[in-house]
N, C-alpha and C. Protein backbone atom coordinates (compact mmCIF):
# COMPACT_ATOMS: atom_id res chain seq x y z
N MET A 1 1.29 -14.77 -8.07
CA MET A 1 1.00 -14.24 -9.36
C MET A 1 2.21 -14.47 -10.25
N SER A 2 1.95 -14.76 -11.52
CA SER A 2 3.09 -15.05 -12.37
C SER A 2 3.01 -14.31 -13.69
N LYS A 3 4.16 -14.06 -14.23
CA LYS A 3 4.30 -13.43 -15.53
C LYS A 3 5.48 -14.12 -16.19
N TYR A 4 5.22 -14.73 -17.33
CA TYR A 4 6.25 -15.48 -18.03
C TYR A 4 6.85 -16.53 -17.11
N ASN A 5 5.98 -17.23 -16.38
CA ASN A 5 6.38 -18.27 -15.43
C ASN A 5 7.26 -17.74 -14.30
N LYS A 6 7.21 -16.47 -14.06
CA LYS A 6 7.95 -15.86 -12.95
C LYS A 6 6.93 -15.19 -12.03
N LYS A 7 7.04 -15.44 -10.76
CA LYS A 7 6.11 -14.87 -9.79
C LYS A 7 6.26 -13.35 -9.75
N ILE A 8 5.11 -12.66 -9.76
CA ILE A 8 5.11 -11.21 -9.58
C ILE A 8 4.29 -10.89 -8.34
N SER A 9 4.61 -9.79 -7.72
CA SER A 9 3.98 -9.45 -6.44
C SER A 9 2.72 -8.61 -6.62
N PHE A 10 1.93 -8.56 -5.56
CA PHE A 10 0.76 -7.70 -5.50
C PHE A 10 1.19 -6.25 -5.76
N PHE A 11 2.28 -5.84 -5.16
CA PHE A 11 2.79 -4.48 -5.37
C PHE A 11 3.12 -4.23 -6.84
N GLU A 12 3.71 -5.21 -7.51
CA GLU A 12 4.04 -5.04 -8.93
C GLU A 12 2.78 -4.88 -9.78
N ILE A 13 1.74 -5.61 -9.44
CA ILE A 13 0.48 -5.45 -10.17
C ILE A 13 -0.08 -4.05 -9.95
N LEU A 14 -0.06 -3.60 -8.71
CA LEU A 14 -0.57 -2.25 -8.41
C LEU A 14 0.25 -1.17 -9.10
N SER A 15 1.50 -1.45 -9.39
CA SER A 15 2.35 -0.44 -10.05
C SER A 15 1.87 -0.14 -11.47
N ASN A 16 0.94 -0.93 -12.00
CA ASN A 16 0.35 -0.66 -13.31
C ASN A 16 -0.77 0.37 -13.23
N ILE A 17 -1.09 0.79 -12.02
CA ILE A 17 -2.15 1.77 -11.79
C ILE A 17 -1.50 3.09 -11.42
N PRO A 18 -1.87 4.18 -12.11
CA PRO A 18 -1.29 5.48 -11.75
C PRO A 18 -1.63 5.87 -10.31
N SER A 19 -0.72 6.58 -9.67
CA SER A 19 -0.95 7.10 -8.32
C SER A 19 -2.26 7.89 -8.32
N ASN A 20 -3.02 7.78 -7.24
CA ASN A 20 -4.34 8.40 -7.22
C ASN A 20 -4.78 8.72 -5.80
N ASN A 21 -5.89 9.43 -5.71
CA ASN A 21 -6.48 9.77 -4.41
C ASN A 21 -7.81 9.04 -4.20
N ASN A 22 -8.02 7.98 -4.94
CA ASN A 22 -9.27 7.23 -4.87
C ASN A 22 -9.39 6.44 -3.58
N ASN A 23 -10.61 6.10 -3.23
CA ASN A 23 -10.86 5.14 -2.16
C ASN A 23 -10.85 3.76 -2.78
N TRP A 24 -10.25 2.82 -2.08
CA TRP A 24 -10.14 1.45 -2.54
C TRP A 24 -10.89 0.55 -1.58
N TYR A 25 -11.56 -0.47 -2.11
CA TYR A 25 -12.38 -1.36 -1.31
C TYR A 25 -12.01 -2.81 -1.63
N ILE A 26 -11.62 -3.55 -0.61
CA ILE A 26 -11.31 -4.97 -0.76
C ILE A 26 -12.55 -5.76 -0.40
N PHE A 27 -13.02 -6.61 -1.33
CA PHE A 27 -14.24 -7.39 -1.10
C PHE A 27 -13.98 -8.85 -0.81
N GLU A 28 -12.96 -9.40 -1.38
CA GLU A 28 -12.58 -10.78 -1.08
C GLU A 28 -11.08 -10.79 -0.92
N PHE A 29 -10.60 -11.53 0.07
CA PHE A 29 -9.17 -11.57 0.30
C PHE A 29 -8.78 -12.85 1.01
N ASP A 30 -7.91 -13.61 0.37
CA ASP A 30 -7.36 -14.83 0.95
C ASP A 30 -5.89 -14.82 0.55
N ALA A 31 -5.00 -14.61 1.51
CA ALA A 31 -3.59 -14.42 1.16
C ALA A 31 -2.66 -14.85 2.28
N ILE A 32 -1.39 -14.85 1.94
CA ILE A 32 -0.33 -15.10 2.91
C ILE A 32 0.48 -13.82 3.03
N GLY A 33 0.70 -13.38 4.25
CA GLY A 33 1.45 -12.16 4.48
C GLY A 33 1.03 -11.52 5.79
N LYS A 34 1.29 -10.23 5.89
CA LYS A 34 0.99 -9.49 7.11
C LYS A 34 -0.24 -8.62 6.90
N ALA A 35 -1.25 -8.81 7.73
CA ALA A 35 -2.48 -8.03 7.65
C ALA A 35 -2.28 -6.64 8.24
N PRO A 36 -3.12 -5.68 7.84
CA PRO A 36 -3.00 -4.32 8.39
C PRO A 36 -3.54 -4.21 9.81
N ASN A 37 -3.21 -3.13 10.46
CA ASN A 37 -3.76 -2.76 11.77
C ASN A 37 -3.57 -3.83 12.85
N ASN A 38 -2.44 -4.50 12.82
CA ASN A 38 -2.10 -5.51 13.82
C ASN A 38 -3.10 -6.66 13.92
N LEU A 39 -3.85 -6.90 12.86
CA LEU A 39 -4.78 -8.02 12.83
C LEU A 39 -4.03 -9.27 12.36
N THR A 40 -4.53 -10.44 12.74
CA THR A 40 -4.02 -11.65 12.13
C THR A 40 -4.61 -11.71 10.72
N MET A 41 -4.01 -12.50 9.84
CA MET A 41 -4.54 -12.59 8.49
C MET A 41 -5.95 -13.18 8.51
N SER A 42 -6.19 -14.13 9.37
CA SER A 42 -7.53 -14.72 9.49
C SER A 42 -8.55 -13.68 9.93
N GLU A 43 -8.20 -12.86 10.91
CA GLU A 43 -9.10 -11.79 11.37
C GLU A 43 -9.37 -10.79 10.25
N PHE A 44 -8.33 -10.44 9.50
CA PHE A 44 -8.49 -9.49 8.40
C PHE A 44 -9.39 -10.07 7.31
N GLU A 45 -9.16 -11.31 6.95
CA GLU A 45 -9.98 -11.95 5.92
C GLU A 45 -11.44 -11.99 6.33
N ASP A 46 -11.72 -12.30 7.60
CA ASP A 46 -13.10 -12.30 8.11
C ASP A 46 -13.69 -10.89 8.09
N LEU A 47 -12.91 -9.91 8.47
CA LEU A 47 -13.37 -8.52 8.45
C LEU A 47 -13.76 -8.10 7.04
N VAL A 48 -12.93 -8.45 6.07
CA VAL A 48 -13.21 -8.13 4.66
C VAL A 48 -14.52 -8.78 4.23
N LEU A 49 -14.66 -10.06 4.48
CA LEU A 49 -15.85 -10.79 4.05
C LEU A 49 -17.13 -10.30 4.71
N ASN A 50 -17.03 -9.75 5.90
CA ASN A 50 -18.21 -9.29 6.63
C ASN A 50 -18.48 -7.80 6.48
N SER A 51 -17.72 -7.12 5.64
CA SER A 51 -17.90 -5.68 5.42
C SER A 51 -18.87 -5.46 4.27
N LYS A 52 -19.97 -4.79 4.54
CA LYS A 52 -21.00 -4.55 3.52
C LYS A 52 -20.43 -3.83 2.30
N TYR A 53 -19.56 -2.86 2.54
CA TYR A 53 -18.98 -2.08 1.45
C TYR A 53 -17.51 -2.40 1.22
N GLY A 54 -17.07 -3.54 1.69
CA GLY A 54 -15.66 -3.89 1.54
C GLY A 54 -14.81 -3.18 2.58
N TYR A 55 -13.56 -3.57 2.62
CA TYR A 55 -12.61 -2.95 3.56
C TYR A 55 -11.96 -1.78 2.84
N GLN A 56 -12.16 -0.56 3.34
CA GLN A 56 -11.70 0.65 2.67
C GLN A 56 -10.25 0.98 3.01
N MET A 57 -9.50 1.38 1.98
CA MET A 57 -8.12 1.84 2.14
C MET A 57 -7.87 3.00 1.18
N SER A 58 -6.95 3.85 1.56
CA SER A 58 -6.47 4.87 0.63
C SER A 58 -5.45 4.22 -0.30
N TRP A 59 -5.06 4.91 -1.35
CA TRP A 59 -4.04 4.39 -2.26
C TRP A 59 -2.72 4.14 -1.53
N ASP A 60 -2.30 5.09 -0.71
CA ASP A 60 -1.05 4.93 0.02
C ASP A 60 -1.10 3.74 0.99
N GLU A 61 -2.24 3.58 1.67
CA GLU A 61 -2.40 2.43 2.58
C GLU A 61 -2.35 1.12 1.80
N LEU A 62 -2.99 1.11 0.64
CA LEU A 62 -3.02 -0.09 -0.19
C LEU A 62 -1.62 -0.46 -0.67
N LEU A 63 -0.85 0.52 -1.12
CA LEU A 63 0.52 0.25 -1.56
C LEU A 63 1.36 -0.31 -0.43
N LYS A 64 1.25 0.30 0.74
CA LYS A 64 2.00 -0.19 1.91
C LYS A 64 1.60 -1.62 2.24
N PHE A 65 0.30 -1.87 2.26
CA PHE A 65 -0.22 -3.20 2.54
C PHE A 65 0.28 -4.22 1.51
N SER A 66 0.28 -3.84 0.24
CA SER A 66 0.66 -4.77 -0.82
C SER A 66 2.10 -5.26 -0.68
N LYS A 67 2.94 -4.45 -0.09
CA LYS A 67 4.34 -4.84 0.11
C LYS A 67 4.49 -5.92 1.18
N GLU A 68 3.45 -6.09 2.00
CA GLU A 68 3.47 -7.08 3.09
C GLU A 68 2.87 -8.43 2.67
N ILE A 69 2.39 -8.51 1.43
CA ILE A 69 1.72 -9.72 0.97
C ILE A 69 2.67 -10.59 0.15
N GLU A 70 2.78 -11.85 0.55
CA GLU A 70 3.67 -12.79 -0.13
C GLU A 70 2.98 -13.52 -1.27
N ASP A 71 1.73 -13.87 -1.09
CA ASP A 71 1.00 -14.65 -2.09
C ASP A 71 -0.49 -14.42 -1.91
N ILE A 72 -1.23 -14.39 -3.02
CA ILE A 72 -2.68 -14.18 -2.96
C ILE A 72 -3.40 -15.35 -3.61
N ASN A 73 -4.35 -15.91 -2.90
CA ASN A 73 -5.19 -16.98 -3.45
C ASN A 73 -6.44 -16.41 -4.09
N ASN A 74 -6.97 -15.32 -3.51
CA ASN A 74 -8.20 -14.74 -4.02
C ASN A 74 -8.29 -13.28 -3.59
N LEU A 75 -8.61 -12.42 -4.55
CA LEU A 75 -8.75 -10.99 -4.24
C LEU A 75 -9.73 -10.35 -5.20
N ILE A 76 -10.62 -9.54 -4.67
CA ILE A 76 -11.43 -8.62 -5.47
C ILE A 76 -11.24 -7.25 -4.83
N LEU A 77 -10.70 -6.34 -5.62
CA LEU A 77 -10.37 -4.99 -5.16
C LEU A 77 -10.93 -4.00 -6.16
N VAL A 78 -11.63 -2.97 -5.68
CA VAL A 78 -12.19 -1.96 -6.59
C VAL A 78 -11.87 -0.56 -6.09
N SER A 79 -11.87 0.35 -7.03
CA SER A 79 -11.76 1.77 -6.73
C SER A 79 -13.06 2.42 -7.18
N SER A 80 -13.63 3.23 -6.30
CA SER A 80 -14.91 3.86 -6.60
C SER A 80 -14.99 5.20 -5.88
N THR A 81 -15.72 6.13 -6.46
CA THR A 81 -15.87 7.44 -5.83
C THR A 81 -16.81 7.38 -4.63
N THR A 82 -17.68 6.37 -4.61
CA THR A 82 -18.59 6.17 -3.48
C THR A 82 -18.57 4.70 -3.08
N PRO A 83 -18.88 4.39 -1.83
CA PRO A 83 -18.92 2.99 -1.41
C PRO A 83 -19.94 2.21 -2.24
N VAL A 84 -19.61 0.98 -2.57
CA VAL A 84 -20.50 0.12 -3.35
C VAL A 84 -20.64 -1.23 -2.63
N GLU A 85 -21.76 -1.88 -2.89
CA GLU A 85 -21.98 -3.22 -2.35
C GLU A 85 -21.47 -4.25 -3.34
N PHE A 86 -21.10 -5.41 -2.83
CA PHE A 86 -20.55 -6.47 -3.67
C PHE A 86 -21.51 -6.87 -4.78
N ASP A 87 -22.81 -6.95 -4.48
CA ASP A 87 -23.79 -7.33 -5.51
C ASP A 87 -23.76 -6.37 -6.69
N ALA A 88 -23.56 -5.08 -6.43
CA ALA A 88 -23.51 -4.09 -7.50
C ALA A 88 -22.28 -4.31 -8.39
N ILE A 89 -21.20 -4.77 -7.81
CA ILE A 89 -20.00 -5.06 -8.59
C ILE A 89 -20.25 -6.27 -9.49
N GLU A 90 -20.84 -7.30 -8.93
CA GLU A 90 -21.09 -8.54 -9.67
C GLU A 90 -22.08 -8.34 -10.81
N THR A 91 -23.06 -7.45 -10.64
CA THR A 91 -24.06 -7.23 -11.69
C THR A 91 -23.67 -6.12 -12.66
N GLY A 92 -22.56 -5.45 -12.38
CA GLY A 92 -22.12 -4.37 -13.27
C GLY A 92 -22.82 -3.06 -13.01
N ALA A 93 -23.57 -2.96 -11.92
CA ALA A 93 -24.33 -1.74 -11.63
C ALA A 93 -23.51 -0.70 -10.87
N ALA A 94 -22.34 -1.07 -10.42
CA ALA A 94 -21.51 -0.15 -9.62
C ALA A 94 -20.78 0.84 -10.51
N ASN A 95 -20.57 2.03 -9.98
CA ASN A 95 -19.81 3.06 -10.68
C ASN A 95 -18.35 2.94 -10.26
N LEU A 96 -17.61 2.07 -10.93
CA LEU A 96 -16.23 1.80 -10.57
C LEU A 96 -15.26 2.59 -11.42
N SER A 97 -14.09 2.86 -10.87
CA SER A 97 -12.99 3.45 -11.63
C SER A 97 -12.04 2.36 -12.10
N ILE A 98 -11.74 1.42 -11.18
CA ILE A 98 -10.79 0.34 -11.45
C ILE A 98 -11.25 -0.90 -10.69
N LYS A 99 -11.02 -2.06 -11.30
CA LYS A 99 -11.31 -3.34 -10.65
C LYS A 99 -10.12 -4.28 -10.88
N LEU A 100 -9.66 -4.90 -9.81
CA LEU A 100 -8.58 -5.88 -9.88
C LEU A 100 -9.06 -7.18 -9.25
N GLU A 101 -8.92 -8.27 -10.00
CA GLU A 101 -9.24 -9.59 -9.48
C GLU A 101 -8.02 -10.48 -9.63
N ILE A 102 -7.72 -11.24 -8.59
CA ILE A 102 -6.62 -12.19 -8.61
C ILE A 102 -7.17 -13.53 -8.14
N TYR A 103 -6.84 -14.59 -8.89
CA TYR A 103 -7.28 -15.95 -8.54
C TYR A 103 -6.09 -16.88 -8.46
N ASP A 104 -6.03 -17.64 -7.42
CA ASP A 104 -5.04 -18.71 -7.26
C ASP A 104 -3.61 -18.28 -7.55
N SER A 105 -3.30 -17.05 -7.35
CA SER A 105 -1.95 -16.52 -7.50
C SER A 105 -1.37 -16.67 -8.91
N THR A 106 -2.20 -17.09 -9.85
CA THR A 106 -1.67 -17.30 -11.19
C THR A 106 -2.37 -16.45 -12.25
N PHE A 107 -3.58 -15.99 -11.96
CA PHE A 107 -4.34 -15.21 -12.93
C PHE A 107 -4.75 -13.90 -12.30
N TRP A 108 -4.53 -12.81 -13.01
CA TRP A 108 -5.01 -11.52 -12.53
C TRP A 108 -5.59 -10.74 -13.69
N GLU A 109 -6.59 -9.93 -13.38
CA GLU A 109 -7.26 -9.12 -14.37
C GLU A 109 -7.45 -7.72 -13.80
N LEU A 110 -6.98 -6.74 -14.53
CA LEU A 110 -7.05 -5.34 -14.13
C LEU A 110 -7.90 -4.61 -15.15
N GLU A 111 -9.02 -4.02 -14.70
CA GLU A 111 -9.94 -3.32 -15.60
C GLU A 111 -10.04 -1.85 -15.20
N PHE A 112 -9.91 -0.98 -16.19
CA PHE A 112 -10.11 0.45 -16.00
C PHE A 112 -11.43 0.82 -16.65
N TYR A 113 -12.25 1.63 -15.96
CA TYR A 113 -13.56 2.02 -16.48
C TYR A 113 -13.57 3.47 -16.88
């Protein structure tokens, strides 16, 4: 991720979000770094892609995880009061609090609802 032609980290992007008690759901993830729960990154990426409601994390777990990520190729991350399916996110039918998308480590979009 870059800002003014300088790489910024996943953790730095998350620092734009106030501390919270929300549930976070990762729907797409392709990155370089250390996966959670002693999984390989490939295993984690497959787990995320095969999770109907995304891979759930607390805010604290997400912050800790973000510090282990060196680079992100693709990410869709949402915060919601209830689990949501990916199709509901894509069609705008989901009741989201926050949505973060990162593409090719160069573009990121953070939306608050």
